[in-house]
């Protein structure tokens, strides 16, 4: 499957109903489509799902430190 997909394809790929997908995008749980083409990036969606499920948390002290440093400079 292509990396950039329609909202219907994205919802099907992650296994949720289209209405739920739209709701999650509107509330910020999932990323919005890329403005130039209106398509969704499956890598960005995967990263968002990792954060939701807890997989996006730092796995060791070095990663935790880097995350903290990045948050300070943002």
N, C-alpha and C. Protein backbone atom coordinates (compact mmCIF):
# COMPACT_ATOMS: atom_id res chain seq x y z
N UNK A 1 0.85 -1.18 0.00
CA UNK A 1 0.00 0.00 0.00
C UNK A 1 0.89 1.25 0.00
N UNK A 2 0.42 2.28 -0.63
CA UNK A 2 1.14 3.55 -0.68
C UNK A 2 1.19 4.19 0.70
N UNK A 3 2.17 5.03 0.90
CA UNK A 3 2.31 5.72 2.19
C UNK A 3 1.23 6.79 2.36
N UNK A 4 0.88 7.49 1.29
CA UNK A 4 -0.16 8.52 1.34
C UNK A 4 -1.47 7.92 0.86
N UNK A 5 -2.50 8.05 1.69
CA UNK A 5 -3.78 7.40 1.40
C UNK A 5 -4.94 8.34 1.68
N UNK A 6 -6.11 7.99 1.17
CA UNK A 6 -7.33 8.74 1.46
C UNK A 6 -7.76 8.46 2.89
N UNK A 7 -8.70 9.24 3.39
CA UNK A 7 -9.15 9.00 4.76
C UNK A 7 -9.85 7.64 4.89
N UNK A 8 -10.56 7.23 3.87
CA UNK A 8 -11.22 5.92 3.90
C UNK A 8 -10.18 4.81 3.97
N UNK A 9 -9.13 4.91 3.15
CA UNK A 9 -8.07 3.90 3.16
C UNK A 9 -7.34 3.89 4.50
N UNK A 10 -7.10 5.07 5.06
CA UNK A 10 -6.42 5.16 6.35
C UNK A 10 -7.26 4.50 7.45
N UNK A 11 -8.55 4.78 7.47
CA UNK A 11 -9.44 4.18 8.47
C UNK A 11 -9.45 2.66 8.33
N UNK A 12 -9.54 2.18 7.11
CA UNK A 12 -9.54 0.73 6.87
C UNK A 12 -8.21 0.10 7.29
N UNK A 13 -7.11 0.79 7.01
CA UNK A 13 -5.79 0.27 7.33
C UNK A 13 -5.61 0.08 8.84
N UNK A 14 -6.10 1.03 9.62
CA UNK A 14 -5.92 0.91 11.07
C UNK A 14 -7.09 0.21 11.75
N UNK A 15 -8.10 -0.14 10.97
CA UNK A 15 -9.17 -0.98 11.49
C UNK A 15 -10.24 -0.28 12.30
N UNK A 16 -10.52 0.98 11.95
CA UNK A 16 -11.62 1.68 12.63
C UNK A 16 -12.62 2.20 11.61
N UNK A 17 -13.80 2.50 12.09
CA UNK A 17 -14.85 3.04 11.22
C UNK A 17 -14.44 4.43 10.74
N UNK A 18 -14.93 4.80 9.57
CA UNK A 18 -14.61 6.11 8.99
C UNK A 18 -15.05 7.24 9.91
N UNK A 19 -16.22 7.11 10.52
CA UNK A 19 -16.71 8.15 11.44
C UNK A 19 -15.77 8.32 12.64
N UNK A 20 -15.28 7.21 13.16
CA UNK A 20 -14.33 7.26 14.29
C UNK A 20 -13.03 7.89 13.84
N UNK A 21 -12.55 7.53 12.67
CA UNK A 21 -11.33 8.12 12.13
C UNK A 21 -11.48 9.64 12.03
N UNK A 22 -12.58 10.10 11.48
CA UNK A 22 -12.81 11.54 11.35
C UNK A 22 -12.85 12.23 12.71
N UNK A 23 -13.47 11.59 13.68
CA UNK A 23 -13.55 12.15 15.03
C UNK A 23 -12.16 12.25 15.65
N UNK A 24 -11.35 11.19 15.50
CA UNK A 24 -10.00 11.20 16.06
C UNK A 24 -9.13 12.26 15.39
N UNK A 25 -9.29 12.49 14.11
CA UNK A 25 -8.54 13.54 13.41
C UNK A 25 -8.99 14.90 13.91
N UNK A 26 -10.29 15.11 14.04
CA UNK A 26 -10.81 16.42 14.45
C UNK A 26 -10.41 16.78 15.88
N UNK A 27 -10.26 15.77 16.75
CA UNK A 27 -9.89 16.07 18.14
C UNK A 27 -8.38 16.04 18.35
N UNK A 28 -7.61 15.70 17.31
CA UNK A 28 -6.16 15.75 17.39
C UNK A 28 -5.49 14.44 17.79
N UNK A 29 -6.24 13.38 17.97
CA UNK A 29 -5.62 12.09 18.30
C UNK A 29 -4.80 11.55 17.13
N UNK A 30 -5.28 11.82 15.93
CA UNK A 30 -4.58 11.41 14.71
C UNK A 30 -4.26 12.67 13.91
N UNK A 31 -3.18 12.62 13.11
CA UNK A 31 -2.78 13.80 12.34
C UNK A 31 -3.75 14.13 11.20
N UNK A 32 -3.78 15.41 10.87
CA UNK A 32 -4.60 15.89 9.76
C UNK A 32 -3.95 15.50 8.43
N UNK A 33 -4.70 15.59 7.35
CA UNK A 33 -4.10 15.27 6.04
C UNK A 33 -3.06 16.32 5.65
N UNK A 34 -2.20 15.93 4.74
CA UNK A 34 -1.18 16.84 4.22
C UNK A 34 -1.90 17.89 3.36
N UNK A 35 -1.70 19.17 3.66
CA UNK A 35 -2.46 20.22 2.98
C UNK A 35 -2.34 20.22 1.46
N UNK A 36 -1.16 19.98 0.93
CA UNK A 36 -0.95 20.09 -0.50
C UNK A 36 -1.71 19.05 -1.32
N UNK A 37 -1.95 17.89 -0.71
CA UNK A 37 -2.59 16.82 -1.48
C UNK A 37 -3.86 16.27 -0.83
N UNK A 38 -4.11 16.62 0.43
CA UNK A 38 -5.32 16.15 1.10
C UNK A 38 -5.28 14.69 1.50
N UNK A 39 -4.11 14.07 1.43
CA UNK A 39 -3.99 12.65 1.79
C UNK A 39 -3.34 12.51 3.16
N UNK A 40 -3.53 11.34 3.75
CA UNK A 40 -3.01 11.04 5.08
C UNK A 40 -1.73 10.23 4.97
N UNK A 41 -0.78 10.54 5.84
CA UNK A 41 0.51 9.86 5.88
C UNK A 41 0.41 8.69 6.87
N UNK A 42 0.53 7.47 6.37
CA UNK A 42 0.38 6.30 7.24
C UNK A 42 1.49 6.23 8.29
N UNK A 43 2.69 6.72 8.00
CA UNK A 43 3.75 6.72 9.01
C UNK A 43 3.39 7.65 10.16
N UNK A 44 2.83 8.80 9.85
CA UNK A 44 2.41 9.73 10.91
C UNK A 44 1.27 9.14 11.73
N UNK A 45 0.37 8.45 11.07
CA UNK A 45 -0.73 7.80 11.78
C UNK A 45 -0.19 6.70 12.69
N UNK A 46 0.75 5.90 12.19
CA UNK A 46 1.36 4.84 13.01
C UNK A 46 2.04 5.45 14.24
N UNK A 47 2.75 6.55 14.06
CA UNK A 47 3.42 7.20 15.19
C UNK A 47 2.41 7.70 16.22
N UNK A 48 1.29 8.24 15.75
CA UNK A 48 0.24 8.70 16.66
C UNK A 48 -0.36 7.54 17.44
N UNK A 49 -0.58 6.44 16.76
CA UNK A 49 -1.13 5.26 17.44
C UNK A 49 -0.12 4.73 18.46
N UNK A 50 1.17 4.76 18.13
CA UNK A 50 2.20 4.36 19.09
C UNK A 50 2.14 5.22 20.35
N UNK A 51 1.96 6.54 20.18
CA UNK A 51 1.87 7.42 21.34
C UNK A 51 0.61 7.10 22.16
N UNK A 52 -0.51 6.89 21.49
CA UNK A 52 -1.77 6.58 22.18
C UNK A 52 -1.63 5.30 23.00
N UNK A 53 -0.98 4.31 22.42
CA UNK A 53 -0.87 3.00 23.09
C UNK A 53 0.28 2.93 24.09
N UNK A 54 1.09 3.98 24.16
CA UNK A 54 2.20 3.99 25.10
C UNK A 54 3.51 3.54 24.51
N UNK A 55 3.52 3.13 23.26
CA UNK A 55 4.75 2.68 22.62
C UNK A 55 5.67 3.84 22.26
N UNK A 56 5.14 5.04 22.25
CA UNK A 56 5.94 6.20 21.88
C UNK A 56 6.72 6.78 23.04
N UNK A 57 6.60 6.18 24.23
CA UNK A 57 7.33 6.67 25.39
C UNK A 57 8.80 6.28 25.31
N UNK A 58 9.67 7.08 25.92
CA UNK A 58 11.09 6.74 25.91
C UNK A 58 11.33 5.36 26.52
N UNK A 59 12.22 4.59 25.91
CA UNK A 59 12.46 3.22 26.36
C UNK A 59 13.63 3.10 27.32
N UNK A 60 14.42 4.17 27.45
CA UNK A 60 15.56 4.12 28.37
C UNK A 60 15.86 5.54 28.86
N UNK A 61 16.81 5.64 29.77
CA UNK A 61 17.13 6.93 30.37
C UNK A 61 17.64 7.94 29.34
N UNK A 62 18.43 7.50 28.39
CA UNK A 62 18.94 8.41 27.36
C UNK A 62 17.80 8.97 26.52
N UNK A 63 16.88 8.12 26.09
CA UNK A 63 15.73 8.58 25.32
C UNK A 63 14.87 9.54 26.15
N UNK A 64 14.70 9.25 27.43
CA UNK A 64 13.92 10.13 28.31
C UNK A 64 14.58 11.50 28.41
N UNK A 65 15.91 11.52 28.56
CA UNK A 65 16.64 12.77 28.64
C UNK A 65 16.49 13.56 27.34
N UNK A 66 16.63 12.88 26.19
CA UNK A 66 16.49 13.55 24.89
C UNK A 66 15.10 14.14 24.73
N UNK A 67 14.09 13.40 25.13
CA UNK A 67 12.71 13.89 25.04
C UNK A 67 12.54 15.15 25.88
N UNK A 68 13.10 15.13 27.09
CA UNK A 68 13.01 16.29 27.98
C UNK A 68 13.74 17.49 27.39
N UNK A 69 14.93 17.26 26.82
CA UNK A 69 15.70 18.35 26.21
C UNK A 69 14.97 18.93 25.01
N UNK A 70 14.36 18.08 24.19
CA UNK A 70 13.61 18.55 23.02
C UNK A 70 12.41 19.37 23.44
N UNK A 71 11.75 18.97 24.52
CA UNK A 71 10.59 19.71 25.00
C UNK A 71 11.00 21.10 25.50
N UNK A 72 12.17 21.20 26.11
CA UNK A 72 12.65 22.50 26.61
C UNK A 72 12.96 23.46 25.47
N UNK A 73 13.50 22.94 24.38
CA UNK A 73 13.89 23.82 23.27
C UNK A 73 12.74 24.12 22.32
N UNK A 74 11.58 23.50 22.53
CA UNK A 74 10.44 23.76 21.65
C UNK A 74 9.71 25.02 22.02
